[in-house]
Amino acid sequence: WKVVTIDGHDHEQISKALTDANAEKDKPT
């Protein structure tokens, strides 16, 4: 898996994590 750890209350971190996950080509996130 692609794994990213974020502050789950930081909206900018959540948005970036979801953006990167949607762009991922090879792995579940």
mmCIF file of all heavy atoms, coordinates in Angstrom:
data_MODEL
# 
_entry.id   MODEL 
# 
loop_
_atom_site.group_PDB 
_atom_site.id 
_atom_site.type_symbol 
_atom_site.label_atom_id 
_atom_site.label_alt_id 
_atom_site.label_comp_id 
_atom_site.label_asym_id 
_atom_site.label_entity_id 
_atom_site.label_seq_id 
_atom_site.pdbx_PDB_ins_code 
_atom_site.Cartn_x 
_atom_site.Cartn_y 
_atom_site.Cartn_z 
_atom_site.occupancy 
_atom_site.B_iso_or_equiv 
_atom_site.pdbx_formal_charge 
_atom_site.auth_seq_id 
_atom_site.auth_comp_id 
_atom_site.auth_asym_id 
_atom_site.auth_atom_id 
_atom_site.pdbx_PDB_model_num 
ATOM 1   N N   . TRP A 1 1  ? 0.826   -1.200 0.000   1.00 0.00 ? 1  TRP A N   1 
ATOM 2   C CA  . TRP A 1 1  ? 0.000   0.000  0.000   1.00 0.00 ? 1  TRP A CA  1 
ATOM 3   C C   . TRP A 1 1  ? 0.868   1.261  0.000   1.00 0.00 ? 1  TRP A C   1 
ATOM 4   O O   . TRP A 1 1  ? 1.985   1.271  0.519   1.00 0.00 ? 1  TRP A O   1 
ATOM 5   C CB  . TRP A 1 1  ? -0.884  0.056  1.248   1.00 0.00 ? 1  TRP A CB  1 
ATOM 6   C CG  . TRP A 1 1  ? -2.005  -0.930 1.295   1.00 0.00 ? 1  TRP A CG  1 
ATOM 7   C CD1 . TRP A 1 1  ? -1.921  -2.290 1.203   1.00 0.00 ? 1  TRP A CD1 1 
ATOM 8   C CD2 . TRP A 1 1  ? -3.392  -0.629 1.485   1.00 0.00 ? 1  TRP A CD2 1 
ATOM 9   N NE1 . TRP A 1 1  ? -3.167  -2.863 1.334   1.00 0.00 ? 1  TRP A NE1 1 
ATOM 10  C CE2 . TRP A 1 1  ? -4.090  -1.858 1.509   1.00 0.00 ? 1  TRP A CE2 1 
ATOM 11  C CE3 . TRP A 1 1  ? -4.106  0.559  1.653   1.00 0.00 ? 1  TRP A CE3 1 
ATOM 12  C CZ2 . TRP A 1 1  ? -5.473  -1.934 1.671   1.00 0.00 ? 1  TRP A CZ2 1 
ATOM 13  C CZ3 . TRP A 1 1  ? -5.488  0.482  1.828   1.00 0.00 ? 1  TRP A CZ3 1 
ATOM 14  C CH2 . TRP A 1 1  ? -6.161  -0.745 1.825   1.00 0.00 ? 1  TRP A CH2 1 
ATOM 15  N N   . LYS A 1 2  ? 0.319   2.321  -0.538  1.00 0.00 ? 2  LYS A N   1 
ATOM 16  C CA  . LYS A 1 2  ? 0.862   3.664  -0.321  1.00 0.00 ? 2  LYS A CA  1 
ATOM 17  C C   . LYS A 1 2  ? 0.280   4.135  1.010   1.00 0.00 ? 2  LYS A C   1 
ATOM 18  O O   . LYS A 1 2  ? -0.933  4.087  1.220   1.00 0.00 ? 2  LYS A O   1 
ATOM 19  C CB  . LYS A 1 2  ? 0.425   4.598  -1.447  1.00 0.00 ? 2  LYS A CB  1 
ATOM 20  C CG  . LYS A 1 2  ? 0.783   6.075  -1.239  1.00 0.00 ? 2  LYS A CG  1 
ATOM 21  C CD  . LYS A 1 2  ? 0.143   6.929  -2.338  1.00 0.00 ? 2  LYS A CD  1 
ATOM 22  C CE  . LYS A 1 2  ? 0.377   8.415  -2.114  1.00 0.00 ? 2  LYS A CE  1 
ATOM 23  N NZ  . LYS A 1 2  ? 1.780   8.786  -2.318  1.00 0.00 ? 2  LYS A NZ  1 
ATOM 24  N N   . VAL A 1 3  ? 1.127   4.582  1.923   1.00 0.00 ? 3  VAL A N   1 
ATOM 25  C CA  . VAL A 1 3  ? 0.678   5.001  3.250   1.00 0.00 ? 3  VAL A CA  1 
ATOM 26  C C   . VAL A 1 3  ? 1.151   6.423  3.522   1.00 0.00 ? 3  VAL A C   1 
ATOM 27  O O   . VAL A 1 3  ? 2.316   6.759  3.301   1.00 0.00 ? 3  VAL A O   1 
ATOM 28  C CB  . VAL A 1 3  ? 1.208   4.055  4.350   1.00 0.00 ? 3  VAL A CB  1 
ATOM 29  C CG1 . VAL A 1 3  ? 0.721   4.507  5.727   1.00 0.00 ? 3  VAL A CG1 1 
ATOM 30  C CG2 . VAL A 1 3  ? 0.767   2.615  4.074   1.00 0.00 ? 3  VAL A CG2 1 
ATOM 31  N N   . VAL A 1 4  ? 0.248   7.257  3.998   1.00 0.00 ? 4  VAL A N   1 
ATOM 32  C CA  . VAL A 1 4  ? 0.595   8.619  4.399   1.00 0.00 ? 4  VAL A CA  1 
ATOM 33  C C   . VAL A 1 4  ? -0.049  8.883  5.756   1.00 0.00 ? 4  VAL A C   1 
ATOM 34  O O   . VAL A 1 4  ? -1.199  8.496  5.990   1.00 0.00 ? 4  VAL A O   1 
ATOM 35  C CB  . VAL A 1 4  ? 0.125   9.652  3.352   1.00 0.00 ? 4  VAL A CB  1 
ATOM 36  C CG1 . VAL A 1 4  ? -1.363  9.552  3.097   1.00 0.00 ? 4  VAL A CG1 1 
ATOM 37  C CG2 . VAL A 1 4  ? 0.499   11.069 3.784   1.00 0.00 ? 4  VAL A CG2 1 
ATOM 38  N N   . THR A 1 5  ? 0.695   9.490  6.641   1.00 0.00 ? 5  THR A N   1 
ATOM 39  C CA  . THR A 1 5  ? 0.183   9.835  7.970   1.00 0.00 ? 5  THR A CA  1 
ATOM 40  C C   . THR A 1 5  ? 0.011   11.347 8.058   1.00 0.00 ? 5  THR A C   1 
ATOM 41  O O   . THR A 1 5  ? 0.929   12.106 7.713   1.00 0.00 ? 5  THR A O   1 
ATOM 42  C CB  . THR A 1 5  ? 1.145   9.353  9.065   1.00 0.00 ? 5  THR A CB  1 
ATOM 43  O OG1 . THR A 1 5  ? 1.288   7.929  8.957   1.00 0.00 ? 5  THR A OG1 1 
ATOM 44  C CG2 . THR A 1 5  ? 0.607   9.690  10.450  1.00 0.00 ? 5  THR A CG2 1 
ATOM 45  N N   . ILE A 1 6  ? -1.163  11.776 8.509   1.00 0.00 ? 6  ILE A N   1 
ATOM 46  C CA  . ILE A 1 6  ? -1.485  13.202 8.556   1.00 0.00 ? 6  ILE A CA  1 
ATOM 47  C C   . ILE A 1 6  ? -2.157  13.556 9.873   1.00 0.00 ? 6  ILE A C   1 
ATOM 48  O O   . ILE A 1 6  ? -2.580  12.684 10.635  1.00 0.00 ? 6  ILE A O   1 
ATOM 49  C CB  . ILE A 1 6  ? -2.434  13.604 7.405   1.00 0.00 ? 6  ILE A CB  1 
ATOM 50  C CG1 . ILE A 1 6  ? -3.794  12.881 7.545   1.00 0.00 ? 6  ILE A CG1 1 
ATOM 51  C CG2 . ILE A 1 6  ? -1.806  13.317 6.046   1.00 0.00 ? 6  ILE A CG2 1 
ATOM 52  C CD1 . ILE A 1 6  ? -4.873  13.372 6.601   1.00 0.00 ? 6  ILE A CD1 1 
ATOM 53  N N   . ASP A 1 7  ? -2.256  14.848 10.129  1.00 0.00 ? 7  ASP A N   1 
ATOM 54  C CA  . ASP A 1 7  ? -3.104  15.365 11.196  1.00 0.00 ? 7  ASP A CA  1 
ATOM 55  C C   . ASP A 1 7  ? -4.537  15.297 10.674  1.00 0.00 ? 7  ASP A C   1 
ATOM 56  O O   . ASP A 1 7  ? -4.902  16.016 9.743   1.00 0.00 ? 7  ASP A O   1 
ATOM 57  C CB  . ASP A 1 7  ? -2.711  16.806 11.527  1.00 0.00 ? 7  ASP A CB  1 
ATOM 58  C CG  . ASP A 1 7  ? -3.600  17.438 12.603  1.00 0.00 ? 7  ASP A CG  1 
ATOM 59  O OD1 . ASP A 1 7  ? -4.670  16.879 12.915  1.00 0.00 ? 7  ASP A OD1 1 
ATOM 60  O OD2 . ASP A 1 7  ? -3.212  18.515 13.107  1.00 0.00 ? 7  ASP A OD2 1 
ATOM 61  N N   . GLY A 1 8  ? -5.337  14.425 11.241  1.00 0.00 ? 8  GLY A N   1 
ATOM 62  C CA  . GLY A 1 8  ? -6.693  14.199 10.747  1.00 0.00 ? 8  GLY A CA  1 
ATOM 63  C C   . GLY A 1 8  ? -7.649  15.343 10.974  1.00 0.00 ? 8  GLY A C   1 
ATOM 64  O O   . GLY A 1 8  ? -8.823  15.261 10.580  1.00 0.00 ? 8  GLY A O   1 
ATOM 65  N N   . HIS A 1 9  ? -7.169  16.418 11.595  1.00 0.00 ? 9  HIS A N   1 
ATOM 66  C CA  . HIS A 1 9  ? -8.003  17.617 11.768  1.00 0.00 ? 9  HIS A CA  1 
ATOM 67  C C   . HIS A 1 9  ? -7.515  18.780 10.922  1.00 0.00 ? 9  HIS A C   1 
ATOM 68  O O   . HIS A 1 9  ? -8.150  19.845 10.918  1.00 0.00 ? 9  HIS A O   1 
ATOM 69  C CB  . HIS A 1 9  ? -8.025  18.022 13.250  1.00 0.00 ? 9  HIS A CB  1 
ATOM 70  C CG  . HIS A 1 9  ? -8.564  16.955 14.147  1.00 0.00 ? 9  HIS A CG  1 
ATOM 71  N ND1 . HIS A 1 9  ? -9.811  16.405 13.995  1.00 0.00 ? 9  HIS A ND1 1 
ATOM 72  C CD2 . HIS A 1 9  ? -7.999  16.311 15.209  1.00 0.00 ? 9  HIS A CD2 1 
ATOM 73  C CE1 . HIS A 1 9  ? -10.006 15.481 14.922  1.00 0.00 ? 9  HIS A CE1 1 
ATOM 74  N NE2 . HIS A 1 9  ? -8.924  15.399 15.672  1.00 0.00 ? 9  HIS A NE2 1 
ATOM 75  N N   . ASP A 1 10 ? -6.431  18.589 10.198  1.00 0.00 ? 10 ASP A N   1 
ATOM 76  C CA  . ASP A 1 10 ? -5.872  19.636 9.348   1.00 0.00 ? 10 ASP A CA  1 
ATOM 77  C C   . ASP A 1 10 ? -6.446  19.474 7.939   1.00 0.00 ? 10 ASP A C   1 
ATOM 78  O O   . ASP A 1 10 ? -6.097  18.538 7.215   1.00 0.00 ? 10 ASP A O   1 
ATOM 79  C CB  . ASP A 1 10 ? -4.348  19.526 9.324   1.00 0.00 ? 10 ASP A CB  1 
ATOM 80  C CG  . ASP A 1 10 ? -3.689  20.665 8.578   1.00 0.00 ? 10 ASP A CG  1 
ATOM 81  O OD1 . ASP A 1 10 ? -4.140  20.983 7.458   1.00 0.00 ? 10 ASP A OD1 1 
ATOM 82  O OD2 . ASP A 1 10 ? -2.715  21.233 9.110   1.00 0.00 ? 10 ASP A OD2 1 
ATOM 83  N N   . HIS A 1 11 ? -7.296  20.402 7.560   1.00 0.00 ? 11 HIS A N   1 
ATOM 84  C CA  . HIS A 1 11 ? -8.023  20.264 6.299   1.00 0.00 ? 11 HIS A CA  1 
ATOM 85  C C   . HIS A 1 11 ? -7.094  20.296 5.094   1.00 0.00 ? 11 HIS A C   1 
ATOM 86  O O   . HIS A 1 11 ? -7.355  19.621 4.088   1.00 0.00 ? 11 HIS A O   1 
ATOM 87  C CB  . HIS A 1 11 ? -9.087  21.347 6.202   1.00 0.00 ? 11 HIS A CB  1 
ATOM 88  C CG  . HIS A 1 11 ? -10.162 21.198 7.223   1.00 0.00 ? 11 HIS A CG  1 
ATOM 89  N ND1 . HIS A 1 11 ? -11.233 22.062 7.337   1.00 0.00 ? 11 HIS A ND1 1 
ATOM 90  C CD2 . HIS A 1 11 ? -10.344 20.277 8.209   1.00 0.00 ? 11 HIS A CD2 1 
ATOM 91  C CE1 . HIS A 1 11 ? -12.019 21.689 8.335   1.00 0.00 ? 11 HIS A CE1 1 
ATOM 92  N NE2 . HIS A 1 11 ? -11.486 20.599 8.879   1.00 0.00 ? 11 HIS A NE2 1 
ATOM 93  N N   . GLU A 1 12 ? -6.042  21.074 5.150   1.00 0.00 ? 12 GLU A N   1 
ATOM 94  C CA  . GLU A 1 12 ? -5.102  21.123 4.032   1.00 0.00 ? 12 GLU A CA  1 
ATOM 95  C C   . GLU A 1 12 ? -4.371  19.791 3.883   1.00 0.00 ? 12 GLU A C   1 
ATOM 96  O O   . GLU A 1 12 ? -4.161  19.315 2.762   1.00 0.00 ? 12 GLU A O   1 
ATOM 97  C CB  . GLU A 1 12 ? -4.109  22.269 4.233   1.00 0.00 ? 12 GLU A CB  1 
ATOM 98  C CG  . GLU A 1 12 ? -4.746  23.651 4.078   1.00 0.00 ? 12 GLU A CG  1 
ATOM 99  C CD  . GLU A 1 12 ? -3.724  24.769 4.196   1.00 0.00 ? 12 GLU A CD  1 
ATOM 100 O OE1 . GLU A 1 12 ? -2.569  24.484 4.584   1.00 0.00 ? 12 GLU A OE1 1 
ATOM 101 O OE2 . GLU A 1 12 ? -4.090  25.919 3.902   1.00 0.00 ? 12 GLU A OE2 1 
ATOM 102 N N   . GLN A 1 13 ? -3.996  19.180 4.999   1.00 0.00 ? 13 GLN A N   1 
ATOM 103 C CA  . GLN A 1 13 ? -3.331  17.876 4.927   1.00 0.00 ? 13 GLN A CA  1 
ATOM 104 C C   . GLN A 1 13 ? -4.285  16.803 4.402   1.00 0.00 ? 13 GLN A C   1 
ATOM 105 O O   . GLN A 1 13 ? -3.887  15.921 3.625   1.00 0.00 ? 13 GLN A O   1 
ATOM 106 C CB  . GLN A 1 13 ? -2.789  17.480 6.302   1.00 0.00 ? 13 GLN A CB  1 
ATOM 107 C CG  . GLN A 1 13 ? -1.609  18.317 6.775   1.00 0.00 ? 13 GLN A CG  1 
ATOM 108 C CD  . GLN A 1 13 ? -0.987  17.771 8.058   1.00 0.00 ? 13 GLN A CD  1 
ATOM 109 O OE1 . GLN A 1 13 ? -0.847  16.567 8.232   1.00 0.00 ? 13 GLN A OE1 1 
ATOM 110 N NE2 . GLN A 1 13 ? -0.611  18.671 8.964   1.00 0.00 ? 13 GLN A NE2 1 
ATOM 111 N N   . ILE A 1 14 ? -5.532  16.865 4.843   1.00 0.00 ? 14 ILE A N   1 
ATOM 112 C CA  . ILE A 1 14 ? -6.532  15.900 4.353   1.00 0.00 ? 14 ILE A CA  1 
ATOM 113 C C   . ILE A 1 14 ? -6.699  16.041 2.844   1.00 0.00 ? 14 ILE A C   1 
ATOM 114 O O   . ILE A 1 14 ? -6.697  15.053 2.099   1.00 0.00 ? 14 ILE A O   1 
ATOM 115 C CB  . ILE A 1 14 ? -7.884  16.112 5.060   1.00 0.00 ? 14 ILE A CB  1 
ATOM 116 C CG1 . ILE A 1 14 ? -7.772  15.796 6.558   1.00 0.00 ? 14 ILE A CG1 1 
ATOM 117 C CG2 . ILE A 1 14 ? -8.965  15.237 4.416   1.00 0.00 ? 14 ILE A CG2 1 
ATOM 118 C CD1 . ILE A 1 14 ? -8.989  16.222 7.365   1.00 0.00 ? 14 ILE A CD1 1 
ATOM 119 N N   . SER A 1 15 ? -6.825  17.282 2.385   1.00 0.00 ? 15 SER A N   1 
ATOM 120 C CA  . SER A 1 15 ? -7.038  17.539 0.960   1.00 0.00 ? 15 SER A CA  1 
ATOM 121 C C   . SER A 1 15 ? -5.852  17.058 0.129   1.00 0.00 ? 15 SER A C   1 
ATOM 122 O O   . SER A 1 15 ? -6.027  16.438 -0.925  1.00 0.00 ? 15 SER A O   1 
ATOM 123 C CB  . SER A 1 15 ? -7.273  19.037 0.737   1.00 0.00 ? 15 SER A CB  1 
ATOM 124 O OG  . SER A 1 15 ? -7.565  19.289 -0.628  1.00 0.00 ? 15 SER A OG  1 
ATOM 125 N N   . LYS A 1 16 ? -4.634  17.328 0.599   1.00 0.00 ? 16 LYS A N   1 
ATOM 126 C CA  . LYS A 1 16 ? -3.453  16.889 -0.142  1.00 0.00 ? 16 LYS A CA  1 
ATOM 127 C C   . LYS A 1 16 ? -3.366  15.368 -0.187  1.00 0.00 ? 16 LYS A C   1 
ATOM 128 O O   . LYS A 1 16 ? -3.037  14.770 -1.231  1.00 0.00 ? 16 LYS A O   1 
ATOM 129 C CB  . LYS A 1 16 ? -2.179  17.465 0.472   1.00 0.00 ? 16 LYS A CB  1 
ATOM 130 C CG  . LYS A 1 16 ? -0.911  17.100 -0.321  1.00 0.00 ? 16 LYS A CG  1 
ATOM 131 C CD  . LYS A 1 16 ? 0.337   17.664 0.299   1.00 0.00 ? 16 LYS A CD  1 
ATOM 132 C CE  . LYS A 1 16 ? 1.559   17.421 -0.614  1.00 0.00 ? 16 LYS A CE  1 
ATOM 133 N NZ  . LYS A 1 16 ? 1.715   16.004 -1.003  1.00 0.00 ? 16 LYS A NZ  1 
ATOM 134 N N   . ALA A 1 17 ? -3.661  14.733 0.951   1.00 0.00 ? 17 ALA A N   1 
ATOM 135 C CA  . ALA A 1 17 ? -3.601  13.273 0.991   1.00 0.00 ? 17 ALA A CA  1 
ATOM 136 C C   . ALA A 1 17 ? -4.589  12.656 0.008   1.00 0.00 ? 17 ALA A C   1 
ATOM 137 O O   . ALA A 1 17 ? -4.271  11.686 -0.699  1.00 0.00 ? 17 ALA A O   1 
ATOM 138 C CB  . ALA A 1 17 ? -3.871  12.769 2.403   1.00 0.00 ? 17 ALA A CB  1 
ATOM 139 N N   . LEU A 1 18 ? -5.782  13.208 -0.072  1.00 0.00 ? 18 LEU A N   1 
ATOM 140 C CA  . LEU A 1 18 ? -6.796  12.699 -0.993  1.00 0.00 ? 18 LEU A CA  1 
ATOM 141 C C   . LEU A 1 18 ? -6.425  12.994 -2.440  1.00 0.00 ? 18 LEU A C   1 
ATOM 142 O O   . LEU A 1 18 ? -6.679  12.183 -3.334  1.00 0.00 ? 18 LEU A O   1 
ATOM 143 C CB  . LEU A 1 18 ? -8.166  13.282 -0.650  1.00 0.00 ? 18 LEU A CB  1 
ATOM 144 C CG  . LEU A 1 18 ? -8.834  12.676 0.591   1.00 0.00 ? 18 LEU A CG  1 
ATOM 145 C CD1 . LEU A 1 18 ? -10.026 13.514 1.039   1.00 0.00 ? 18 LEU A CD1 1 
ATOM 146 C CD2 . LEU A 1 18 ? -9.284  11.235 0.315   1.00 0.00 ? 18 LEU A CD2 1 
ATOM 147 N N   . THR A 1 19 ? -5.831  14.147 -2.684  1.00 0.00 ? 19 THR A N   1 
ATOM 148 C CA  . THR A 1 19 ? -5.381  14.476 -4.034  1.00 0.00 ? 19 THR A CA  1 
ATOM 149 C C   . THR A 1 19 ? -4.322  13.479 -4.500  1.00 0.00 ? 19 THR A C   1 
ATOM 150 O O   . THR A 1 19 ? -4.393  12.940 -5.613  1.00 0.00 ? 19 THR A O   1 
ATOM 151 C CB  . THR A 1 19 ? -4.800  15.901 -4.068  1.00 0.00 ? 19 THR A CB  1 
ATOM 152 O OG1 . THR A 1 19 ? -5.826  16.837 -3.708  1.00 0.00 ? 19 THR A OG1 1 
ATOM 153 C CG2 . THR A 1 19 ? -4.281  16.250 -5.458  1.00 0.00 ? 19 THR A CG2 1 
ATOM 154 N N   . ASP A 1 20 ? -3.354  13.211 -3.640  1.00 0.00 ? 20 ASP A N   1 
ATOM 155 C CA  . ASP A 1 20 ? -2.294  12.264 -3.987  1.00 0.00 ? 20 ASP A CA  1 
ATOM 156 C C   . ASP A 1 20 ? -2.844  10.844 -4.155  1.00 0.00 ? 20 ASP A C   1 
ATOM 157 O O   . ASP A 1 20 ? -2.410  10.098 -5.043  1.00 0.00 ? 20 ASP A O   1 
ATOM 158 C CB  . ASP A 1 20 ? -1.208  12.272 -2.905  1.00 0.00 ? 20 ASP A CB  1 
ATOM 159 C CG  . ASP A 1 20 ? -0.437  13.589 -2.863  1.00 0.00 ? 20 ASP A CG  1 
ATOM 160 O OD1 . ASP A 1 20 ? -0.541  14.371 -3.822  1.00 0.00 ? 20 ASP A OD1 1 
ATOM 161 O OD2 . ASP A 1 20 ? 0.253   13.834 -1.846  1.00 0.00 ? 20 ASP A OD2 1 
ATOM 162 N N   . ALA A 1 21 ? -3.792  10.477 -3.298  1.00 0.00 ? 21 ALA A N   1 
ATOM 163 C CA  . ALA A 1 21 ? -4.376  9.133  -3.386  1.00 0.00 ? 21 ALA A CA  1 
ATOM 164 C C   . ALA A 1 21 ? -5.126  8.952  -4.702  1.00 0.00 ? 21 ALA A C   1 
ATOM 165 O O   . ALA A 1 21 ? -5.055  7.887  -5.331  1.00 0.00 ? 21 ALA A O   1 
ATOM 166 C CB  . ALA A 1 21 ? -5.309  8.888  -2.206  1.00 0.00 ? 21 ALA A CB  1 
ATOM 167 N N   . ASN A 1 22 ? -5.827  9.986  -5.138  1.00 0.00 ? 22 ASN A N   1 
ATOM 168 C CA  . ASN A 1 22 ? -6.560  9.903  -6.398  1.00 0.00 ? 22 ASN A CA  1 
ATOM 169 C C   . ASN A 1 22 ? -5.626  9.840  -7.601  1.00 0.00 ? 22 ASN A C   1 
ATOM 170 O O   . ASN A 1 22 ? -6.011  9.333  -8.658  1.00 0.00 ? 22 ASN A O   1 
ATOM 171 C CB  . ASN A 1 22 ? -7.516  11.090 -6.527  1.00 0.00 ? 22 ASN A CB  1 
ATOM 172 C CG  . ASN A 1 22 ? -8.864  10.840 -5.874  1.00 0.00 ? 22 ASN A CG  1 
ATOM 173 O OD1 . ASN A 1 22 ? -9.770  10.304 -6.498  1.00 0.00 ? 22 ASN A OD1 1 
ATOM 174 N ND2 . ASN A 1 22 ? -9.004  11.206 -4.603  1.00 0.00 ? 22 ASN A ND2 1 
ATOM 175 N N   . ALA A 1 23 ? -4.412  10.363 -7.429  1.00 0.00 ? 23 ALA A N   1 
ATOM 176 C CA  . ALA A 1 23 ? -3.443  10.340 -8.525  1.00 0.00 ? 23 ALA A CA  1 
ATOM 177 C C   . ALA A 1 23 ? -2.603  9.064  -8.547  1.00 0.00 ? 23 ALA A C   1 
ATOM 178 O O   . ALA A 1 23 ? -1.899  8.803  -9.526  1.00 0.00 ? 23 ALA A O   1 
ATOM 179 C CB  . ALA A 1 23 ? -2.524  11.560 -8.412  1.00 0.00 ? 23 ALA A CB  1 
ATOM 180 N N   . GLU A 1 24 ? -2.677  8.264  -7.493  1.00 0.00 ? 24 GLU A N   1 
ATOM 181 C CA  . GLU A 1 24 ? -1.867  7.054  -7.378  1.00 0.00 ? 24 GLU A CA  1 
ATOM 182 C C   . GLU A 1 24 ? -2.246  6.042  -8.472  1.00 0.00 ? 24 GLU A C   1 
ATOM 183 O O   . GLU A 1 24 ? -3.421  5.763  -8.699  1.00 0.00 ? 24 GLU A O   1 
ATOM 184 C CB  . GLU A 1 24 ? -2.061  6.430  -5.998  1.00 0.00 ? 24 GLU A CB  1 
ATOM 185 C CG  . GLU A 1 24 ? -1.425  5.077  -5.808  1.00 0.00 ? 24 GLU A CG  1 
ATOM 186 C CD  . GLU A 1 24 ? 0.088   5.090  -5.998  1.00 0.00 ? 24 GLU A CD  1 
ATOM 187 O OE1 . GLU A 1 24 ? 0.741   6.045  -5.514  1.00 0.00 ? 24 GLU A OE1 1 
ATOM 188 O OE2 . GLU A 1 24 ? 0.609   4.147  -6.619  1.00 0.00 ? 24 GLU A OE2 1 
ATOM 189 N N   . LYS A 1 25 ? -1.227  5.489  -9.144  1.00 0.00 ? 25 LYS A N   1 
ATOM 190 C CA  . LYS A 1 25 ? -1.464  4.604  -10.285 1.00 0.00 ? 25 LYS A CA  1 
ATOM 191 C C   . LYS A 1 25 ? -1.320  3.118  -9.973  1.00 0.00 ? 25 LYS A C   1 
ATOM 192 O O   . LYS A 1 25 ? -1.859  2.277  -10.698 1.00 0.00 ? 25 LYS A O   1 
ATOM 193 C CB  . LYS A 1 25 ? -0.486  4.951  -11.418 1.00 0.00 ? 25 LYS A CB  1 
ATOM 194 C CG  . LYS A 1 25 ? -0.588  6.377  -11.938 1.00 0.00 ? 25 LYS A CG  1 
ATOM 195 C CD  . LYS A 1 25 ? -1.941  6.655  -12.571 1.00 0.00 ? 25 LYS A CD  1 
ATOM 196 C CE  . LYS A 1 25 ? -1.972  8.049  -13.186 1.00 0.00 ? 25 LYS A CE  1 
ATOM 197 N NZ  . LYS A 1 25 ? -3.335  8.373  -13.717 1.00 0.00 ? 25 LYS A NZ  1 
ATOM 198 N N   . ASP A 1 26 ? -0.597  2.788  -8.905  1.00 0.00 ? 26 ASP A N   1 
ATOM 199 C CA  . ASP A 1 26 ? -0.217  1.387  -8.717  1.00 0.00 ? 26 ASP A CA  1 
ATOM 200 C C   . ASP A 1 26 ? -0.695  0.730  -7.431  1.00 0.00 ? 26 ASP A C   1 
ATOM 201 O O   . ASP A 1 26 ? -0.693  -0.497 -7.335  1.00 0.00 ? 26 ASP A O   1 
ATOM 202 C CB  . ASP A 1 26 ? 1.308   1.263  -8.763  1.00 0.00 ? 26 ASP A CB  1 
ATOM 203 C CG  . ASP A 1 26 ? 1.884   1.688  -10.101 1.00 0.00 ? 26 ASP A CG  1 
ATOM 204 O OD1 . ASP A 1 26 ? 1.335   1.266  -11.134 1.00 0.00 ? 26 ASP A OD1 1 
ATOM 205 O OD2 . ASP A 1 26 ? 2.871   2.450  -10.097 1.00 0.00 ? 26 ASP A OD2 1 
ATOM 206 N N   . LYS A 1 27 ? -1.068  1.526  -6.433  1.00 0.00 ? 27 LYS A N   1 
ATOM 207 C CA  . LYS A 1 27 ? -1.317  0.959  -5.120  1.00 0.00 ? 27 LYS A CA  1 
ATOM 208 C C   . LYS A 1 27 ? -2.597  1.505  -4.494  1.00 0.00 ? 27 LYS A C   1 
ATOM 209 O O   . LYS A 1 27 ? -2.992  2.631  -4.764  1.00 0.00 ? 27 LYS A O   1 
ATOM 210 C CB  . LYS A 1 27 ? -0.152  1.296  -4.179  1.00 0.00 ? 27 LYS A CB  1 
ATOM 211 C CG  . LYS A 1 27 ? 1.202   0.799  -4.613  1.00 0.00 ? 27 LYS A CG  1 
ATOM 212 C CD  . LYS A 1 27 ? 2.288   1.276  -3.644  1.00 0.00 ? 27 LYS A CD  1 
ATOM 213 C CE  . LYS A 1 27 ? 3.662   0.761  -4.048  1.00 0.00 ? 27 LYS A CE  1 
ATOM 214 N NZ  . LYS A 1 27 ? 4.713   1.217  -3.097  1.00 0.00 ? 27 LYS A NZ  1 
ATOM 215 N N   . PRO A 1 28 ? -3.215  0.706  -3.600  1.00 0.00 ? 28 PRO A N   1 
ATOM 216 C CA  . PRO A 1 28 ? -4.248  1.290  -2.740  1.00 0.00 ? 28 PRO A CA  1 
ATOM 217 C C   . PRO A 1 28 ? -3.579  2.246  -1.759  1.00 0.00 ? 28 PRO A C   1 
ATOM 218 O O   . PRO A 1 28 ? -2.383  2.120  -1.480  1.00 0.00 ? 28 PRO A O   1 
ATOM 219 C CB  . PRO A 1 28 ? -4.845  0.075  -2.026  1.00 0.00 ? 28 PRO A CB  1 
ATOM 220 C CG  . PRO A 1 28 ? -3.752  -0.954 -2.043  1.00 0.00 ? 28 PRO A CG  1 
ATOM 221 C CD  . PRO A 1 28 ? -2.963  -0.715 -3.305  1.00 0.00 ? 28 PRO A CD  1 
ATOM 222 N N   . THR A 1 29 ? -4.342  3.190  -1.254  1.00 0.00 ? 29 THR A N   1 
ATOM 223 C CA  . THR A 1 29 ? -3.788  4.184  -0.336  1.00 0.00 ? 29 THR A CA  1 
ATOM 224 C C   . THR A 1 29 ? -4.432  4.082  1.034   1.00 0.00 ? 29 THR A C   1 
ATOM 225 O O   . THR A 1 29 ? -5.663  3.993  1.141   1.00 0.00 ? 29 THR A O   1 
ATOM 226 C CB  . THR A 1 29 ? -3.996  5.609  -0.876  1.00 0.00 ? 29 THR A CB  1 
ATOM 227 O OG1 . THR A 1 29 ? -3.278  5.762  -2.105  1.00 0.00 ? 29 THR A OG1 1 
ATOM 228 C CG2 . THR A 1 29 ? -3.482  6.654  0.112   1.00 0.00 ? 29 THR A CG2 1 
# 
